């Protein structure tokens, strides 16, 4: 699996599944944090601080994206 940061987001390239998964800027940041070893519990605070959004909204976005990534087989459960 490869990740590439792009202007306004990023892409995950699943070489095994021959798929490309596009992420917006928030999603790309979540992916970067996960790959850097940040805990899921810390992500809402990180996003809230970096993107100036409400912590509850950030937590909802984290849950949504993680569920999508798991469903796509890009993250382990």
N, C-alpha and C. Protein backbone atom coordinates (compact mmCIF):
# COMPACT_ATOMS: atom_id res chain seq x y z
N UNK A 1 0.83 -1.16 0.00
CA UNK A 1 0.00 0.00 0.00
C UNK A 1 0.89 1.24 0.00
N UNK A 2 0.54 2.19 -0.83
CA UNK A 2 1.28 3.44 -0.92
C UNK A 2 0.35 4.60 -0.63
N UNK A 3 0.91 5.66 -0.05
CA UNK A 3 0.15 6.88 0.20
C UNK A 3 0.91 8.04 -0.43
N UNK A 4 0.18 8.91 -1.07
CA UNK A 4 0.79 10.11 -1.66
C UNK A 4 -0.04 11.31 -1.25
N UNK A 5 0.62 12.30 -0.65
CA UNK A 5 -0.04 13.55 -0.29
C UNK A 5 -0.14 14.40 -1.54
N UNK A 6 -1.31 14.96 -1.78
CA UNK A 6 -1.55 15.85 -2.92
C UNK A 6 -2.15 17.15 -2.41
N UNK A 7 -2.17 18.16 -3.24
CA UNK A 7 -2.81 19.41 -2.87
C UNK A 7 -4.28 19.14 -2.57
N UNK A 8 -4.72 19.49 -1.37
CA UNK A 8 -6.11 19.31 -1.01
C UNK A 8 -6.48 17.91 -0.57
N UNK A 9 -5.50 17.04 -0.34
CA UNK A 9 -5.82 15.69 0.09
C UNK A 9 -4.70 14.71 -0.15
N UNK A 10 -5.10 13.51 -0.56
CA UNK A 10 -4.12 12.48 -0.82
C UNK A 10 -4.78 11.26 -1.42
N UNK A 11 -3.97 10.29 -1.78
CA UNK A 11 -4.48 9.04 -2.32
C UNK A 11 -3.75 7.87 -1.66
N UNK A 12 -4.51 6.81 -1.45
CA UNK A 12 -3.95 5.55 -1.00
C UNK A 12 -4.04 4.61 -2.20
N UNK A 13 -2.92 4.02 -2.54
CA UNK A 13 -2.89 3.07 -3.65
C UNK A 13 -2.75 1.68 -3.05
N UNK A 14 -3.78 0.88 -3.24
CA UNK A 14 -3.80 -0.50 -2.76
C UNK A 14 -3.26 -1.38 -3.89
N UNK A 15 -1.99 -1.74 -3.80
CA UNK A 15 -1.35 -2.50 -4.86
C UNK A 15 -1.90 -3.92 -4.96
N UNK A 16 -2.29 -4.50 -3.83
CA UNK A 16 -2.83 -5.86 -3.85
C UNK A 16 -4.20 -5.89 -4.50
N UNK A 17 -5.02 -4.90 -4.21
CA UNK A 17 -6.38 -4.86 -4.74
C UNK A 17 -6.50 -4.06 -6.01
N UNK A 18 -5.37 -3.48 -6.46
CA UNK A 18 -5.37 -2.68 -7.69
C UNK A 18 -6.45 -1.58 -7.64
N UNK A 19 -6.46 -0.84 -6.50
CA UNK A 19 -7.44 0.24 -6.31
C UNK A 19 -6.75 1.51 -5.84
N UNK A 20 -7.42 2.62 -6.08
CA UNK A 20 -6.98 3.91 -5.58
C UNK A 20 -8.11 4.48 -4.74
N UNK A 21 -7.77 4.92 -3.52
CA UNK A 21 -8.73 5.48 -2.59
C UNK A 21 -8.36 6.94 -2.37
N UNK A 22 -9.24 7.84 -2.78
CA UNK A 22 -8.97 9.28 -2.69
C UNK A 22 -9.43 9.83 -1.34
N UNK A 23 -8.59 10.69 -0.74
CA UNK A 23 -8.90 11.31 0.55
C UNK A 23 -8.90 12.82 0.43
N UNK A 24 -9.81 13.47 1.14
CA UNK A 24 -9.75 14.93 1.23
C UNK A 24 -8.64 15.30 2.21
N UNK A 25 -8.45 16.57 2.47
CA UNK A 25 -7.35 17.02 3.31
C UNK A 25 -7.46 16.44 4.73
N UNK A 26 -8.66 16.42 5.27
CA UNK A 26 -8.87 15.87 6.60
C UNK A 26 -8.56 14.37 6.62
N UNK A 27 -9.06 13.66 5.63
CA UNK A 27 -8.81 12.23 5.54
C UNK A 27 -7.33 11.92 5.39
N UNK A 28 -6.64 12.73 4.59
CA UNK A 28 -5.20 12.53 4.42
C UNK A 28 -4.47 12.74 5.73
N UNK A 29 -4.90 13.73 6.51
CA UNK A 29 -4.26 13.98 7.80
C UNK A 29 -4.51 12.82 8.77
N UNK A 30 -5.75 12.29 8.77
CA UNK A 30 -6.06 11.14 9.61
C UNK A 30 -5.15 9.98 9.23
N UNK A 31 -5.01 9.71 7.94
CA UNK A 31 -4.16 8.61 7.47
C UNK A 31 -2.71 8.82 7.93
N UNK A 32 -2.21 10.04 7.77
CA UNK A 32 -0.83 10.34 8.18
C UNK A 32 -0.64 10.08 9.68
N UNK A 33 -1.61 10.51 10.47
CA UNK A 33 -1.52 10.30 11.92
C UNK A 33 -1.53 8.82 12.27
N UNK A 34 -2.41 8.07 11.64
CA UNK A 34 -2.46 6.64 11.90
C UNK A 34 -1.15 5.96 11.52
N UNK A 35 -0.59 6.34 10.38
CA UNK A 35 0.66 5.75 9.93
C UNK A 35 1.83 6.14 10.83
N UNK A 36 1.71 7.30 11.50
CA UNK A 36 2.76 7.75 12.41
C UNK A 36 2.60 7.13 13.81
N UNK A 37 1.55 6.32 13.98
CA UNK A 37 1.37 5.64 15.26
C UNK A 37 0.47 6.36 16.25
N UNK A 38 -0.17 7.44 15.83
CA UNK A 38 -1.11 8.13 16.73
C UNK A 38 -2.29 7.21 17.03
N UNK A 39 -2.79 7.28 18.24
CA UNK A 39 -3.95 6.48 18.60
C UNK A 39 -5.21 7.12 18.03
N UNK A 40 -6.19 6.28 17.75
CA UNK A 40 -7.47 6.77 17.24
C UNK A 40 -8.09 7.75 18.24
N UNK A 41 -7.91 7.49 19.53
CA UNK A 41 -8.47 8.35 20.56
C UNK A 41 -7.91 9.77 20.50
N UNK A 42 -6.69 9.93 20.02
CA UNK A 42 -6.06 11.25 19.95
C UNK A 42 -6.45 12.03 18.69
N UNK A 43 -6.95 11.35 17.68
CA UNK A 43 -7.21 12.01 16.40
C UNK A 43 -8.21 13.16 16.47
N UNK A 44 -9.33 13.06 17.20
CA UNK A 44 -10.24 14.21 17.24
C UNK A 44 -9.58 15.47 17.79
N UNK A 45 -8.76 15.33 18.80
CA UNK A 45 -8.07 16.51 19.36
C UNK A 45 -7.09 17.09 18.35
N UNK A 46 -6.37 16.23 17.67
CA UNK A 46 -5.41 16.69 16.65
C UNK A 46 -6.14 17.44 15.55
N UNK A 47 -7.21 16.85 15.04
CA UNK A 47 -7.97 17.49 13.95
C UNK A 47 -8.62 18.77 14.41
N UNK A 48 -9.18 18.76 15.61
CA UNK A 48 -9.83 19.95 16.15
C UNK A 48 -8.85 21.12 16.21
N UNK A 49 -7.64 20.83 16.63
CA UNK A 49 -6.61 21.86 16.73
C UNK A 49 -6.11 22.32 15.36
N UNK A 50 -5.82 21.38 14.48
CA UNK A 50 -5.23 21.72 13.18
C UNK A 50 -6.22 22.31 12.19
N UNK A 51 -7.49 21.89 12.26
CA UNK A 51 -8.47 22.34 11.28
C UNK A 51 -9.50 23.31 11.88
N UNK A 52 -9.33 23.66 13.15
CA UNK A 52 -10.23 24.60 13.83
C UNK A 52 -11.69 24.16 13.69
N UNK A 53 -11.94 22.91 14.05
CA UNK A 53 -13.30 22.36 14.04
C UNK A 53 -13.64 21.86 15.43
N UNK A 54 -14.92 21.73 15.69
CA UNK A 54 -15.42 21.21 16.95
C UNK A 54 -14.94 19.78 17.16
N UNK A 55 -14.57 19.44 18.39
CA UNK A 55 -14.06 18.11 18.69
C UNK A 55 -15.08 17.02 18.38
N UNK A 56 -16.36 17.28 18.59
CA UNK A 56 -17.40 16.29 18.28
C UNK A 56 -17.49 16.04 16.78
N UNK A 57 -17.40 17.11 16.00
CA UNK A 57 -17.42 16.96 14.54
C UNK A 57 -16.18 16.20 14.07
N UNK A 58 -15.03 16.51 14.67
CA UNK A 58 -13.80 15.80 14.31
C UNK A 58 -13.90 14.32 14.67
N UNK A 59 -14.49 14.01 15.81
CA UNK A 59 -14.64 12.61 16.23
C UNK A 59 -15.55 11.86 15.26
N UNK A 60 -16.61 12.50 14.81
CA UNK A 60 -17.52 11.87 13.85
C UNK A 60 -16.81 11.61 12.54
N UNK A 61 -15.99 12.53 12.09
CA UNK A 61 -15.24 12.35 10.84
C UNK A 61 -14.24 11.21 10.97
N UNK A 62 -13.58 11.13 12.11
CA UNK A 62 -12.62 10.04 12.35
C UNK A 62 -13.34 8.69 12.30
N UNK A 63 -14.47 8.58 12.99
CA UNK A 63 -15.22 7.32 12.99
C UNK A 63 -15.67 6.94 11.59
N UNK A 64 -16.17 7.92 10.84
CA UNK A 64 -16.66 7.67 9.48
C UNK A 64 -15.54 7.17 8.58
N UNK A 65 -14.40 7.86 8.60
CA UNK A 65 -13.31 7.48 7.72
C UNK A 65 -12.71 6.13 8.11
N UNK A 66 -12.55 5.90 9.39
CA UNK A 66 -11.99 4.62 9.81
C UNK A 66 -12.90 3.47 9.38
N UNK A 67 -14.20 3.66 9.52
CA UNK A 67 -15.15 2.63 9.07
C UNK A 67 -15.02 2.39 7.57
N UNK A 68 -14.88 3.47 6.79
CA UNK A 68 -14.71 3.32 5.33
C UNK A 68 -13.42 2.59 4.99
N UNK A 69 -12.34 2.97 5.67
CA UNK A 69 -11.04 2.34 5.40
C UNK A 69 -11.06 0.86 5.78
N UNK A 70 -11.70 0.55 6.88
CA UNK A 70 -11.81 -0.86 7.29
C UNK A 70 -12.66 -1.65 6.30
N UNK A 71 -13.78 -1.06 5.88
CA UNK A 71 -14.66 -1.75 4.92
C UNK A 71 -13.94 -2.00 3.60
N UNK A 72 -13.03 -1.08 3.24
CA UNK A 72 -12.28 -1.22 1.99
C UNK A 72 -11.06 -2.14 2.16
N UNK A 73 -10.83 -2.60 3.39
CA UNK A 73 -9.70 -3.48 3.64
C UNK A 73 -8.37 -2.75 3.71
N UNK A 74 -8.42 -1.44 3.94
CA UNK A 74 -7.19 -0.66 4.00
C UNK A 74 -6.65 -0.50 5.42
N UNK A 75 -7.50 -0.80 6.40
CA UNK A 75 -7.10 -0.77 7.81
C UNK A 75 -7.58 -2.05 8.46
N UNK A 76 -6.79 -2.54 9.38
CA UNK A 76 -7.22 -3.71 10.13
C UNK A 76 -8.23 -3.26 11.18
N UNK A 77 -9.10 -4.15 11.54
CA UNK A 77 -10.11 -3.82 12.57
C UNK A 77 -9.52 -3.91 13.93
